[in-house]
Amino acid sequence: MKRCLAVLALGALATLPAAAQGSRPLVVQTNSAGDSVMLIDPASDRIVAEIPDAEVIHGAAAAPDGSHLYLSNESLSTVDVVDTRTMRIIKRIPLSGHPNNIAIHRNGRRAYVAITGAQGGVDVIDLVNETRAKTIRVLGGVHNPFITPDSKFVVAGSTGGAVATVIDTELERPVWSIHFEGGVRPVTFETNPDGSTKRMFAQITNFHGFAVVDWAQKREVTRIALPDIPEAQRNKDGIQGSPAHGLLVTPDGKTLWSTSKFNSAVYAYSLPDLKYLGEVKVGTVPDWMTITPDGKKLYVANAHDNTVSVIDQPARKELMRIRVGQVPKRNITAILPVPPATN
């Protein structure tokens, strides 16, 4: 009987996807002026793998089962499909135009790619057939698409149109929008106890802070300005109209983090009351950030230093900086197969 059970257990294990066996969180760091994507292991804070032939990658998304990564490639206007067992690009899916960032549905069947320019919008990618299914036009084109935690909606942020367009992922069409005085930059979400969206936080062109949008009311209810410093002390390089560019809510839903390009820092606010908690100094032009699933480490991409700051999130303390490629910007954390170098 014991032998039979052991055989059955081994058989069940063999049917699992390769990514489900021996996987752990890895930080996927794109290099917007480089030709590769780097993977950082939070266990060692070392680069443990590199995806080659990935030139001018804007954003990354991971299949829920960890079997593939999807990279939005600005140089070729494609979505590059990466087999995470080999960390090699195995296919390129043509897009309708020049891409920026990418988001993925939690069911792994659809990805949403921002297409820039006046005739841009969101390309909907069928990940099962690895083809472009349709394009949803959005005023002014799209810079970043953000999917709500329940995957029911994609928020398409337009810098040219100064609008956040909310797309229903089942209907695959816009259902409402909210306009601002400037372009929509990074976005993140706060959820209700049932996982539905409660509030949206959005960074706006030329505003050093973020707007707070009540999701049910579909309107902005307040704004939070980040701590200021004298203009003579501000960083003025690489601002690109976005003095604050990077937002996230911690996995426990208790803290909101925002970057500041002006002040070379990241700032923490408590949720739900948005009380200021403190700052952590990082490198020059912090442009994006991601966090480990346990909420212990925050990784901030410093675009002008070619480094990633590793932050002890609960202690709000920078631990170290990891040198990466040229102009690191977008990053994500994904559960992926452990590369051979880490075994």
C-alpha atoms as a PDB file:
ATOM      1  CA  MET A   1       0.000   0.000   0.000  1.00  0.00           C
ATOM      2  CA  LYS A   2       2.785   2.424   0.946  1.00  0.00           C
ATOM      3  CA  ARG A   3       4.550   1.666  -2.317  1.00  0.00           C
ATOM      4  CA  CYS A   4       1.370   2.317  -4.320  1.00  0.00           C
ATOM      5  CA  LEU A   5       0.796   5.610  -2.520  1.00  0.00           C
ATOM      6  CA  ALA A   6       4.374   6.656  -3.232  1.00  0.00           C
ATOM      7  CA  VAL A   7       3.970   5.847  -6.928  1.00  0.00           C
ATOM      8  CA  LEU A   8       0.693   7.774  -7.054  1.00  0.00           C
ATOM      9  CA  ALA A   9       2.306  10.754  -5.345  1.00  0.00           C
ATOM     10  CA  LEU A  10       5.185  10.770  -7.805  1.00  0.00           C
ATOM     11  CA  GLY A  11       2.735  10.489 -10.684  1.00  0.00           C
ATOM     12  CA  ALA A  12       0.739  13.454  -9.403  1.00  0.00           C
ATOM     13  CA  LEU A  13       3.916  15.498  -9.051  1.00  0.00           C
ATOM     14  CA  ALA A  14       4.948  14.655 -12.607  1.00  0.00           C
ATOM     15  CA  THR A  15       1.683  16.107 -13.937  1.00  0.00           C
ATOM     16  CA  LEU A  16       2.343  19.512 -12.385  1.00  0.00           C
ATOM     17  CA  PRO A  17       3.728  22.270 -14.624  1.00  0.00           C
ATOM     18  CA  ALA A  18       7.499  22.561 -14.434  1.00  0.00           C
ATOM     19  CA  ALA A  19       7.114  26.025 -12.900  1.00  0.00           C
ATOM     20  CA  ALA A  20       5.099  24.589  -9.999  1.00  0.00           C
ATOM     21  CA  GLN A  21       7.973  22.320  -9.018  1.00  0.00           C
ATOM     22  CA  GLY A  22      10.890  24.058  -7.321  1.00  0.00           C
ATOM     23  CA  SER A  23       9.838  27.657  -7.880  1.00  0.00           C
ATOM     24  CA  ARG A  24      10.058  30.800  -5.766  1.00  0.00           C
ATOM     25  CA  PRO A  25       9.628  34.585  -6.043  1.00  0.00           C
ATOM     26  CA  LEU A  26      12.066  36.311  -8.390  1.00  0.00           C
ATOM     27  CA  VAL A  27      12.266  39.994  -9.286  1.00  0.00           C
ATOM     28  CA  VAL A  28      12.126  40.577 -13.042  1.00  0.00           C
ATOM     29  CA  GLN A  29      13.991  43.786 -13.878  1.00  0.00           C
ATOM     30  CA  THR A  30      13.789  45.329 -17.340  1.00  0.00           C
ATOM     31  CA  ASN A  31      16.510  47.643 -18.667  1.00  0.00           C
ATOM     32  CA  SER A  32      14.887  50.210 -20.922  1.00  0.00           C
ATOM     33  CA  ALA A  33      18.129  51.145 -22.684  1.00  0.00           C
ATOM     34  CA  GLY A  34      19.662  47.672 -22.549  1.00  0.00           C
ATOM     35  CA  ASP A  35      19.437  44.399 -24.448  1.00  0.00           C
ATOM     36  CA  SER A  36      18.521  41.973 -21.666  1.00  0.00           C
ATOM     37  CA  VAL A  37      16.169  41.404 -18.753  1.00  0.00           C
ATOM     38  CA  MET A  38      17.635  40.435 -15.383  1.00  0.00           C
ATOM     39  CA  LEU A  39      16.220  38.214 -12.640  1.00  0.00           C
ATOM     40  CA  ILE A  40      17.048  38.919  -9.002  1.00  0.00           C
ATOM     41  CA  ASP A  41      16.628  36.299  -6.284  1.00  0.00           C
ATOM     42  CA  PRO A  42      15.336  37.987  -3.076  1.00  0.00           C
ATOM     43  CA  ALA A  43      16.877  35.158  -1.048  1.00  0.00           C
ATOM     44  CA  SER A  44      20.375  36.318  -1.975  1.00  0.00           C
ATOM     45  CA  ASP A  45      19.734  39.698  -3.643  1.00  0.00           C
ATOM     46  CA  ARG A  46      21.871  38.583  -6.556  1.00  0.00           C
ATOM     47  CA  ILE A  47      21.199  38.454 -10.283  1.00  0.00           C
ATOM     48  CA  VAL A  48      20.650  34.747 -10.918  1.00  0.00           C
ATOM     49  CA  ALA A  49      19.550  34.740 -14.566  1.00  0.00           C
ATOM     50  CA  GLU A  50      19.445  36.969 -17.623  1.00  0.00           C
ATOM     51  CA  ILE A  51      17.134  36.879 -20.622  1.00  0.00           C
ATOM     52  CA  PRO A  52      19.211  37.724 -23.726  1.00  0.00           C
ATOM     53  CA  ASP A  53      18.163  39.277 -27.044  1.00  0.00           C
ATOM     54  CA  ALA A  54      15.618  41.472 -25.242  1.00  0.00           C
ATOM     55  CA  GLU A  55      16.371  44.962 -26.503  1.00  0.00           C
ATOM     56  CA  VAL A  56      14.496  48.037 -25.231  1.00  0.00           C
ATOM     57  CA  ILE A  57      11.984  46.116 -23.154  1.00  0.00           C
ATOM     58  CA  HIS A  58       9.391  48.347 -21.540  1.00  0.00           C
ATOM     59  CA  GLY A  59       7.357  46.060 -19.272  1.00  0.00           C
ATOM     60  CA  ALA A  60       7.010  42.474 -18.130  1.00  0.00           C
ATOM     61  CA  ALA A  61       4.179  40.192 -17.029  1.00  0.00           C
ATOM     62  CA  ALA A  62       4.242  36.596 -15.802  1.00  0.00           C
ATOM     63  CA  ALA A  63       1.930  33.675 -16.491  1.00  0.00           C
ATOM     64  CA  PRO A  64       0.146  32.690 -13.264  1.00  0.00           C
ATOM     65  CA  ASP A  65       1.720  29.221 -13.390  1.00  0.00           C
ATOM     66  CA  GLY A  66       5.184  30.703 -13.924  1.00  0.00           C
ATOM     67  CA  SER A  67       5.689  28.895 -17.233  1.00  0.00           C
ATOM     68  CA  HIS A  68       6.185  32.032 -19.317  1.00  0.00           C
ATOM     69  CA  LEU A  69       7.144  35.678 -19.116  1.00  0.00           C
ATOM     70  CA  TYR A  70       5.722  38.235 -21.526  1.00  0.00           C
ATOM     71  CA  LEU A  71       7.830  41.267 -22.438  1.00  0.00           C
ATOM     72  CA  SER A  72       6.639  44.361 -24.295  1.00  0.00           C
ATOM     73  CA  ASN A  73       9.411  45.028 -26.817  1.00  0.00           C
ATOM     74  CA  GLU A  74       9.695  48.647 -27.986  1.00  0.00           C
ATOM     75  CA  SER A  75      12.406  47.950 -30.549  1.00  0.00           C
ATOM     76  CA  LEU A  76      10.297  45.450 -32.514  1.00  0.00           C
ATOM     77  CA  SER A  77       6.725  46.401 -31.457  1.00  0.00           C
ATOM     78  CA  THR A  78       6.073  42.869 -30.240  1.00  0.00           C
ATOM     79  CA  VAL A  79       5.205  40.874 -27.159  1.00  0.00           C
ATOM     80  CA  ASP A  80       8.148  38.553 -26.583  1.00  0.00           C
ATOM     81  CA  VAL A  81       7.210  35.172 -25.094  1.00  0.00           C
ATOM     82  CA  VAL A  82       9.850  33.732 -22.755  1.00  0.00           C
ATOM     83  CA  ASP A  83      10.039  30.073 -21.738  1.00  0.00           C
ATOM     84  CA  THR A  84      11.028  30.335 -18.066  1.00  0.00           C
ATOM     85  CA  ARG A  85      12.641  26.885 -18.056  1.00  0.00           C
ATOM     86  CA  THR A  86      15.327  28.143 -20.425  1.00  0.00           C
ATOM     87  CA  MET A  87      14.930  31.930 -20.023  1.00  0.00           C
ATOM     88  CA  ARG A  88      14.910  32.271 -23.797  1.00  0.00           C
ATOM     89  CA  ILE A  89      12.507  34.088 -26.095  1.00  0.00           C
ATOM     90  CA  ILE A  90      10.561  31.474 -28.050  1.00  0.00           C
ATOM     91  CA  LYS A  91       8.076  33.649 -29.940  1.00  0.00           C
ATOM     92  CA  ARG A  92       7.325  37.260 -30.804  1.00  0.00           C
ATOM     93  CA  ILE A  93       3.699  38.389 -31.213  1.00  0.00           C
ATOM     94  CA  PRO A  94       3.288  41.434 -33.528  1.00  0.00           C
ATOM     95  CA  LEU A  95       1.402  44.407 -32.089  1.00  0.00           C
ATOM     96  CA  SER A  96      -0.698  47.137 -33.705  1.00  0.00           C
ATOM     97  CA  GLY A  97       1.798  49.870 -32.817  1.00  0.00           C
ATOM     98  CA  HIS A  98       4.566  51.012 -30.504  1.00  0.00           C
ATOM     99  CA  PRO A  99       4.123  49.443 -27.047  1.00  0.00           C
ATOM    100  CA  ASN A 100       4.737  50.629 -23.527  1.00  0.00           C
ATOM    101  CA  ASN A 101       3.751  48.572 -20.498  1.00  0.00           C
ATOM    102  CA  ILE A 102       1.901  45.245 -20.230  1.00  0.00           C
ATOM    103  CA  ALA A 103      -0.551  43.654 -17.761  1.00  0.00           C
ATOM    104  CA  ILE A 104      -1.973  40.143 -17.499  1.00  0.00           C
ATOM    105  CA  HIS A 105      -5.298  38.617 -16.415  1.00  0.00           C
ATOM    106  CA  ARG A 106      -5.025  36.314 -13.415  1.00  0.00           C
ATOM    107  CA  ASN A 107      -6.465  33.438 -15.460  1.00  0.00           C
ATOM    108  CA  GLY A 108      -3.435  33.631 -17.755  1.00  0.00           C
ATOM    109  CA  ARG A 109      -5.516  33.741 -20.933  1.00  0.00           C
ATOM    110  CA  ARG A 110      -5.305  37.450 -21.797  1.00  0.00           C
ATOM    111  CA  ALA A 111      -2.628  40.116 -21.691  1.00  0.00           C
ATOM    112  CA  TYR A 112      -3.163  43.830 -22.231  1.00  0.00           C
ATOM    113  CA  VAL A 113      -0.470  45.921 -23.928  1.00  0.00           C
ATOM    114  CA  ALA A 114      -0.357  49.723 -23.943  1.00  0.00           C
ATOM    115  CA  ILE A 115      -0.052  51.138 -27.460  1.00  0.00           C
ATOM    116  CA  THR A 116       1.160  54.734 -27.565  1.00  0.00           C
ATOM    117  CA  GLY A 117       0.375  57.576 -29.970  1.00  0.00           C
ATOM    118  CA  ALA A 118      -2.773  59.333 -31.088  1.00  0.00           C
ATOM    119  CA  GLN A 119      -4.139  56.175 -32.719  1.00  0.00           C
ATOM    120  CA  GLY A 120      -3.116  53.930 -29.824  1.00  0.00           C
ATOM    121  CA  GLY A 121      -5.029  52.080 -27.156  1.00  0.00           C
ATOM    122  CA  VAL A 122      -4.814  48.613 -25.644  1.00  0.00           C
ATOM    123  CA  ASP A 123      -3.895  45.520 -27.638  1.00  0.00           C
ATOM    124  CA  VAL A 124      -5.644  42.454 -26.203  1.00  0.00           C
ATOM    125  CA  ILE A 125      -3.401  39.411 -26.556  1.00  0.00           C
ATOM    126  CA  ASP A 126      -4.814  35.878 -26.675  1.00  0.00           C
ATOM    127  CA  LEU A 127      -2.133  34.025 -24.698  1.00  0.00           C
ATOM    128  CA  VAL A 128      -3.604  30.601 -25.468  1.00  0.00           C
ATOM    129  CA  ASN A 129      -3.163  31.028 -29.221  1.00  0.00           C
ATOM    130  CA  GLU A 130      -0.379  33.629 -28.844  1.00  0.00           C
ATOM    131  CA  THR A 131      -2.004  36.122 -31.198  1.00  0.00           C
ATOM    132  CA  ARG A 132      -3.370  39.651 -31.003  1.00  0.00           C
ATOM    133  CA  ALA A 133      -7.131  39.303 -30.526  1.00  0.00           C
ATOM    134  CA  LYS A 134      -8.202  42.941 -30.851  1.00  0.00           C
ATOM    135  CA  THR A 135      -7.287  46.569 -30.213  1.00  0.00           C
ATOM    136  CA  ILE A 136      -9.333  48.821 -27.937  1.00  0.00           C
ATOM    137  CA  ARG A 137      -8.847  52.456 -28.977  1.00  0.00           C
ATOM    138  CA  VAL A 138      -8.197  54.966 -26.177  1.00  0.00           C
ATOM    139  CA  LEU A 139      -8.018  58.762 -26.446  1.00  0.00           C
ATOM    140  CA  GLY A 140      -4.405  59.876 -26.716  1.00  0.00           C
ATOM    141  CA  GLY A 141      -2.972  56.351 -26.672  1.00  0.00           C
ATOM    142  CA  VAL A 142      -1.937  54.430 -23.556  1.00  0.00           C
ATOM    143  CA  HIS A 143       1.227  54.542 -21.457  1.00  0.00           C
ATOM    144  CA  ASN A 144       0.446  51.948 -18.774  1.00  0.00           C
ATOM    145  CA  PRO A 145      -2.353  49.363 -18.387  1.00  0.00           C
ATOM    146  CA  PHE A 146      -3.102  48.275 -14.807  1.00  0.00           C
ATOM    147  CA  ILE A 147      -5.353  45.332 -13.963  1.00  0.00           C
ATOM    148  CA  THR A 148      -7.439  45.397 -10.795  1.00  0.00           C
ATOM    149  CA  PRO A 149      -6.609  42.699  -8.213  1.00  0.00           C
ATOM    150  CA  ASP A 150      -9.787  40.778  -9.106  1.00  0.00           C
ATOM    151  CA  SER A 151      -8.914  41.036 -12.841  1.00  0.00           C
ATOM    152  CA  LYS A 152     -12.375  42.399 -13.647  1.00  0.00           C
ATOM    153  CA  PHE A 153     -11.064  45.659 -15.069  1.00  0.00           C
ATOM    154  CA  VAL A 154      -8.031  47.111 -16.824  1.00  0.00           C
ATOM    155  CA  VAL A 155      -7.261  50.784 -16.251  1.00  0.00           C
ATOM    156  CA  ALA A 156      -5.613  52.281 -19.333  1.00  0.00           C
ATOM    157  CA  GLY A 157      -3.649  55.370 -18.326  1.00  0.00           C
ATOM    158  CA  SER A 158      -3.179  57.920 -21.105  1.00  0.00           C
ATOM    159  CA  THR A 159      -0.527  60.623 -20.904  1.00  0.00           C
ATOM    160  CA  GLY A 160      -1.636  62.246 -24.171  1.00  0.00           C
ATOM    161  CA  GLY A 161      -5.343  62.143 -23.381  1.00  0.00           C
ATOM    162  CA  ALA A 162      -5.054  62.906 -19.630  1.00  0.00           C
ATOM    163  CA  VAL A 163      -7.617  60.199 -18.923  1.00  0.00           C
ATOM    164  CA  ALA A 164      -7.868  56.863 -17.136  1.00  0.00           C
ATOM    165  CA  THR A 165     -10.122  54.568 -19.154  1.00  0.00           C
ATOM    166  CA  VAL A 166     -11.639  51.608 -17.312  1.00  0.00           C
ATOM    167  CA  ILE A 167     -12.058  48.525 -19.526  1.00  0.00           C
ATOM    168  CA  ASP A 168     -14.274  45.596 -18.538  1.00  0.00           C
ATOM    169  CA  THR A 169     -12.173  42.457 -19.134  1.00  0.00           C
ATOM    170  CA  GLU A 170     -15.219  40.272 -19.828  1.00  0.00           C
ATOM    171  CA  LEU A 171     -16.845  42.670 -22.282  1.00  0.00           C
ATOM    172  CA  GLU A 172     -13.465  43.903 -23.550  1.00  0.00           C
ATOM    173  CA  ARG A 173     -14.683  47.453 -23.975  1.00  0.00           C
ATOM    174  CA  PRO A 174     -14.474  50.721 -21.973  1.00  0.00           C
ATOM    175  CA  VAL A 175     -17.183  51.159 -19.337  1.00  0.00           C
ATOM    176  CA  TRP A 176     -16.196  54.438 -17.675  1.00  0.00           C
ATOM    177  CA  SER A 177     -13.389  56.966 -17.509  1.00  0.00           C
ATOM    178  CA  ILE A 178     -12.016  59.746 -15.346  1.00  0.00           C
ATOM    179  CA  HIS A 179     -10.205  62.835 -16.638  1.00  0.00           C
ATOM    180  CA  PHE A 180      -7.386  64.729 -14.969  1.00  0.00           C
ATOM    181  CA  GLU A 181      -5.571  67.978 -15.759  1.00  0.00           C
ATOM    182  CA  GLY A 182      -2.478  65.999 -16.753  1.00  0.00           C
ATOM    183  CA  GLY A 183      -1.451  62.633 -18.082  1.00  0.00           C
ATOM    184  CA  VAL A 184      -2.083  59.459 -16.086  1.00  0.00           C
ATOM    185  CA  ARG A 185       1.115  57.803 -14.865  1.00  0.00           C
ATOM    186  CA  PRO A 186       1.428  54.805 -12.459  1.00  0.00           C
ATOM    187  CA  VAL A 187      -1.715  53.454 -10.809  1.00  0.00           C
ATOM    188  CA  THR A 188      -2.358  51.045  -7.931  1.00  0.00           C
ATOM    189  CA  PHE A 189      -5.425  49.798  -6.073  1.00  0.00           C
ATOM    190  CA  GLU A 190      -6.861  49.271  -2.599  1.00  0.00           C
ATOM    191  CA  THR A 191      -9.399  46.461  -2.232  1.00  0.00           C
ATOM    192  CA  ASN A 192     -12.494  45.728  -0.182  1.00  0.00           C
ATOM    193  CA  PRO A 193     -12.593  42.626   2.060  1.00  0.00           C
ATOM    194  CA  ASP A 194     -14.192  40.632  -0.800  1.00  0.00           C
ATOM    195  CA  GLY A 195     -11.324  41.511  -3.163  1.00  0.00           C
ATOM    196  CA  SER A 196     -13.248  44.059  -5.225  1.00  0.00           C
ATOM    197  CA  THR A 197     -11.716  47.474  -5.875  1.00  0.00           C
ATOM    198  CA  LYS A 198     -12.239  50.155  -3.214  1.00  0.00           C
ATOM    199  CA  ARG A 199      -9.935  52.975  -4.269  1.00  0.00           C
ATOM    200  CA  MET A 200      -7.566  53.749  -7.103  1.00  0.00           C
ATOM    201  CA  PHE A 201      -4.416  55.799  -6.567  1.00  0.00           C
ATOM    202  CA  ALA A 202      -2.960  57.562  -9.606  1.00  0.00           C
ATOM    203  CA  GLN A 203       0.101  59.694 -10.240  1.00  0.00           C
ATOM    204  CA  ILE A 204      -0.520  62.622 -12.568  1.00  0.00           C
ATOM    205  CA  THR A 205       1.814  64.518 -14.881  1.00  0.00           C
ATOM    206  CA  ASN A 206       3.600  67.403 -13.125  1.00  0.00           C
ATOM    207  CA  PHE A 207       2.096  66.554  -9.700  1.00  0.00           C
ATOM    208  CA  HIS A 208       4.492  65.482  -6.957  1.00  0.00           C
ATOM    209  CA  GLY A 209       2.097  63.096  -5.257  1.00  0.00           C
ATOM    210  CA  PHE A 210      -0.978  61.063  -6.157  1.00  0.00           C
ATOM    211  CA  ALA A 211      -4.720  61.383  -6.684  1.00  0.00           C
ATOM    212  CA  VAL A 212      -7.199  59.251  -4.722  1.00  0.00           C
ATOM    213  CA  VAL A 213     -10.207  57.965  -6.679  1.00  0.00           C
ATOM    214  CA  ASP A 214     -13.265  56.401  -5.038  1.00  0.00           C
ATOM    215  CA  TRP A 215     -13.969  53.436  -7.303  1.00  0.00           C
ATOM    216  CA  ALA A 216     -17.694  53.143  -6.544  1.00  0.00           C
ATOM    217  CA  GLN A 217     -18.258  56.879  -6.994  1.00  0.00           C
ATOM    218  CA  LYS A 218     -15.992  56.985 -10.071  1.00  0.00           C
ATOM    219  CA  ARG A 219     -14.489  60.303  -8.989  1.00  0.00           C
ATOM    220  CA  GLU A 220     -11.411  61.830  -7.402  1.00  0.00           C
ATOM    221  CA  VAL A 221     -11.955  62.497  -3.708  1.00  0.00           C
ATOM    222  CA  THR A 222      -8.604  63.905  -2.555  1.00  0.00           C
ATOM    223  CA  ARG A 223      -4.922  64.333  -3.357  1.00  0.00           C
ATOM    224  CA  ILE A 224      -1.809  63.599  -1.361  1.00  0.00           C
ATOM    225  CA  ALA A 225       1.258  65.766  -1.949  1.00  0.00           C
ATOM    226  CA  LEU A 226       4.590  64.089  -1.205  1.00  0.00           C
ATOM    227  CA  PRO A 227       7.045  65.764   1.204  1.00  0.00           C
ATOM    228  CA  ASP A 228       8.765  68.678  -0.466  1.00  0.00           C
ATOM    229  CA  ILE A 229      12.321  69.963  -0.418  1.00  0.00           C
ATOM    230  CA  PRO A 230      13.731  73.319  -1.596  1.00  0.00           C
ATOM    231  CA  GLU A 231      13.845  73.585  -5.364  1.00  0.00           C
ATOM    232  CA  ALA A 232      17.623  74.048  -5.316  1.00  0.00           C
ATOM    233  CA  GLN A 233      17.973  70.583  -3.722  1.00  0.00           C
ATOM    234  CA  ARG A 234      15.666  68.778  -6.131  1.00  0.00           C
ATOM    235  CA  ASN A 235      16.871  66.401  -8.780  1.00  0.00           C
ATOM    236  CA  LYS A 236      15.910  67.912 -12.123  1.00  0.00           C
ATOM    237  CA  ASP A 237      17.228  65.259 -14.515  1.00  0.00           C
ATOM    238  CA  GLY A 238      15.033  62.528 -15.978  1.00  0.00           C
ATOM    239  CA  ILE A 239      11.772  63.938 -14.608  1.00  0.00           C
ATOM    240  CA  GLN A 240       9.938  63.550 -17.962  1.00  0.00           C
ATOM    241  CA  GLY A 241       6.855  65.297 -16.623  1.00  0.00           C
ATOM    242  CA  SER A 242       6.475  62.820 -13.763  1.00  0.00           C
ATOM    243  CA  PRO A 243       8.104  63.988 -10.501  1.00  0.00           C
ATOM    244  CA  ALA A 244       6.507  60.975  -8.816  1.00  0.00           C
ATOM    245  CA  HIS A 245       6.544  57.756 -10.860  1.00  0.00           C
ATOM    246  CA  GLY A 246       5.898  54.484  -9.058  1.00  0.00           C
ATOM    247  CA  LEU A 247       3.114  53.325  -6.722  1.00  0.00           C
ATOM    248  CA  LEU A 248       2.225  50.092  -4.942  1.00  0.00           C
ATOM    249  CA  VAL A 249       0.123  48.754  -2.096  1.00  0.00           C
ATOM    250  CA  THR A 250       1.767  46.126   0.116  1.00  0.00           C
ATOM    251  CA  PRO A 251       0.365  42.566   0.015  1.00  0.00           C
ATOM    252  CA  ASP A 252      -1.273  42.995   3.447  1.00  0.00           C
ATOM    253  CA  GLY A 253      -3.071  46.116   2.212  1.00  0.00           C
ATOM    254  CA  LYS A 254      -1.752  48.228   5.089  1.00  0.00           C
ATOM    255  CA  THR A 255       0.788  50.472   3.373  1.00  0.00           C
ATOM    256  CA  LEU A 256       0.985  52.546   0.192  1.00  0.00           C
ATOM    257  CA  TRP A 257       4.426  53.360  -1.222  1.00  0.00           C
ATOM    258  CA  SER A 258       5.246  56.133  -3.699  1.00  0.00           C
ATOM    259  CA  THR A 259       8.494  57.066  -5.412  1.00  0.00           C
ATOM    260  CA  SER A 260       9.820  60.617  -5.783  1.00  0.00           C
ATOM    261  CA  LYS A 261      12.143  61.510  -8.654  1.00  0.00           C
ATOM    262  CA  PHE A 262      12.519  65.011  -7.218  1.00  0.00           C
ATOM    263  CA  ASN A 263      13.803  63.796  -3.861  1.00  0.00           C
ATOM    264  CA  SER A 264      15.465  60.455  -4.803  1.00  0.00           C
ATOM    265  CA  ALA A 265      13.295  58.743  -2.199  1.00  0.00           C
ATOM    266  CA  VAL A 266      10.320  56.501  -1.609  1.00  0.00           C
ATOM    267  CA  TYR A 267       7.570  57.448   0.836  1.00  0.00           C
ATOM    268  CA  ALA A 268       5.230  55.265   2.903  1.00  0.00           C
ATOM    269  CA  TYR A 269       1.610  55.995   3.880  1.00  0.00           C
ATOM    270  CA  SER A 270      -0.672  53.919   6.083  1.00  0.00           C
ATOM    271  CA  LEU A 271      -3.932  52.530   4.746  1.00  0.00           C
ATOM    272  CA  PRO A 272      -6.764  53.255   4.857  1.00  0.00           C
ATOM    273  CA  ASP A 273      -6.120  56.650   6.512  1.00  0.00           C
ATOM    274  CA  LEU A 274      -3.171  57.698   4.267  1.00  0.00           C
ATOM    275  CA  LYS A 275      -1.126  58.914   7.224  1.00  0.00           C
ATOM    276  CA  TYR A 276       2.495  59.696   6.359  1.00  0.00           C
ATOM    277  CA  LEU A 277       4.847  57.086   7.852  1.00  0.00           C
ATOM    278  CA  GLY A 278       8.315  58.027   6.624  1.00  0.00           C
ATOM    279  CA  GLU A 279      10.848  58.019   3.804  1.00  0.00           C
ATOM    280  CA  VAL A 280      13.727  55.927   2.505  1.00  0.00           C
ATOM    281  CA  LYS A 281      16.438  57.535   0.407  1.00  0.00           C
ATOM    282  CA  VAL A 282      17.269  55.581  -2.768  1.00  0.00           C
ATOM    283  CA  GLY A 283      19.177  56.202  -6.008  1.00  0.00           C
ATOM    284  CA  THR A 284      18.620  58.875  -8.633  1.00  0.00           C
ATOM    285  CA  VAL A 285      15.327  58.846 -10.568  1.00  0.00           C
ATOM    286  CA  PRO A 286      13.446  56.004  -8.842  1.00  0.00           C
ATOM    287  CA  ASP A 287      11.081  55.053 -11.663  1.00  0.00           C
ATOM    288  CA  TRP A 288       9.240  51.898 -10.564  1.00  0.00           C
ATOM    289  CA  MET A 289       9.074  49.373  -7.741  1.00  0.00           C
ATOM    290  CA  THR A 290       7.904  45.894  -6.849  1.00  0.00           C
ATOM    291  CA  ILE A 291       7.544  43.915  -3.639  1.00  0.00           C
ATOM    292  CA  THR A 292       7.944  40.298  -2.546  1.00  0.00           C
ATOM    293  CA  PRO A 293       4.740  38.328  -1.815  1.00  0.00           C
ATOM    294  CA  ASP A 294       5.516  38.272   1.916  1.00  0.00           C
ATOM    295  CA  GLY A 295       5.872  42.064   1.933  1.00  0.00           C
ATOM    296  CA  LYS A 296       9.341  41.965   3.475  1.00  0.00           C
ATOM    297  CA  LYS A 297      11.418  43.444   0.649  1.00  0.00           C
ATOM    298  CA  LEU A 298      10.774  46.336  -1.714  1.00  0.00           C
ATOM    299  CA  TYR A 299      12.800  46.685  -4.930  1.00  0.00           C
ATOM    300  CA  VAL A 300      13.130  50.180  -6.440  1.00  0.00           C
ATOM    301  CA  ALA A 301      14.536  50.683  -9.952  1.00  0.00           C
ATOM    302  CA  ASN A 302      16.882  53.708  -9.995  1.00  0.00           C
ATOM    303  CA  ALA A 303      16.877  54.669 -13.674  1.00  0.00           C
ATOM    304  CA  HIS A 304      19.829  57.093 -13.627  1.00  0.00           C
ATOM    305  CA  ASP A 305      22.062  55.016 -11.354  1.00  0.00           C
ATOM    306  CA  ASN A 306      21.590  51.683 -13.164  1.00  0.00           C
ATOM    307  CA  THR A 307      20.846  50.133  -9.787  1.00  0.00           C
ATOM    308  CA  VAL A 308      17.987  48.571  -7.854  1.00  0.00           C
ATOM    309  CA  SER A 309      17.547  49.573  -4.200  1.00  0.00           C
ATOM    310  CA  VAL A 310      16.624  46.730  -1.857  1.00  0.00           C
ATOM    311  CA  ILE A 311      14.497  47.989   1.038  1.00  0.00           C
ATOM    312  CA  ASP A 312      13.483  46.300   4.259  1.00  0.00           C
ATOM    313  CA  GLN A 313       9.816  47.221   3.888  1.00  0.00           C
ATOM    314  CA  PRO A 314       8.611  46.868   7.518  1.00  0.00           C
ATOM    315  CA  ALA A 315      11.708  48.661   8.876  1.00  0.00           C
ATOM    316  CA  ARG A 316      11.708  51.249   6.042  1.00  0.00           C
ATOM    317  CA  LYS A 317      15.466  50.920   5.550  1.00  0.00           C
ATOM    318  CA  GLU A 318      17.610  50.538   2.431  1.00  0.00           C
ATOM    319  CA  LEU A 319      19.677  47.346   2.684  1.00  0.00           C
ATOM    320  CA  MET A 320      21.787  47.539  -0.462  1.00  0.00           C
ATOM    321  CA  ARG A 321      21.862  48.463  -4.143  1.00  0.00           C
ATOM    322  CA  ILE A 322      22.197  45.927  -6.940  1.00  0.00           C
ATOM    323  CA  ARG A 323      23.885  47.012 -10.159  1.00  0.00           C
ATOM    324  CA  VAL A 324      21.777  46.056 -13.173  1.00  0.00           C
ATOM    325  CA  GLY A 325      21.599  47.098 -16.849  1.00  0.00           C
ATOM    326  CA  GLN A 326      21.166  50.415 -18.620  1.00  0.00           C
ATOM    327  CA  VAL A 327      18.293  52.621 -17.389  1.00  0.00           C
ATOM    328  CA  PRO A 328      16.266  50.125 -15.317  1.00  0.00           C
ATOM    329  CA  LYS A 329      12.612  51.037 -15.069  1.00  0.00           C
ATOM    330  CA  ARG A 330       9.688  48.584 -14.955  1.00  0.00           C
ATOM    331  CA  ASN A 331       9.943  45.564 -12.687  1.00  0.00           C
ATOM    332  CA  ILE A 332       7.658  42.869 -11.302  1.00  0.00           C
ATOM    333  CA  THR A 333       7.840  39.999  -8.822  1.00  0.00           C
ATOM    334  CA  ALA A 334       6.824  36.590 -10.146  1.00  0.00           C
ATOM    335  CA  ILE A 335       6.817  32.982  -8.932  1.00  0.00           C
ATOM    336  CA  LEU A 336       9.185  31.339 -11.400  1.00  0.00           C
ATOM    337  CA  PRO A 337      11.306  28.187 -11.720  1.00  0.00           C
ATOM    338  CA  VAL A 338      14.561  28.496  -9.847  1.00  0.00           C
ATOM    339  CA  PRO A 339      17.364  29.049 -12.389  1.00  0.00           C
ATOM    340  CA  PRO A 340      20.149  26.436 -12.344  1.00  0.00           C
ATOM    341  CA  ALA A 341      22.600  28.933 -10.870  1.00  0.00           C
ATOM    342  CA  THR A 342      20.566  29.089  -7.633  1.00  0.00           C
ATOM    343  CA  ASN A 343      20.260  25.323  -7.127  1.00  0.00           C
END
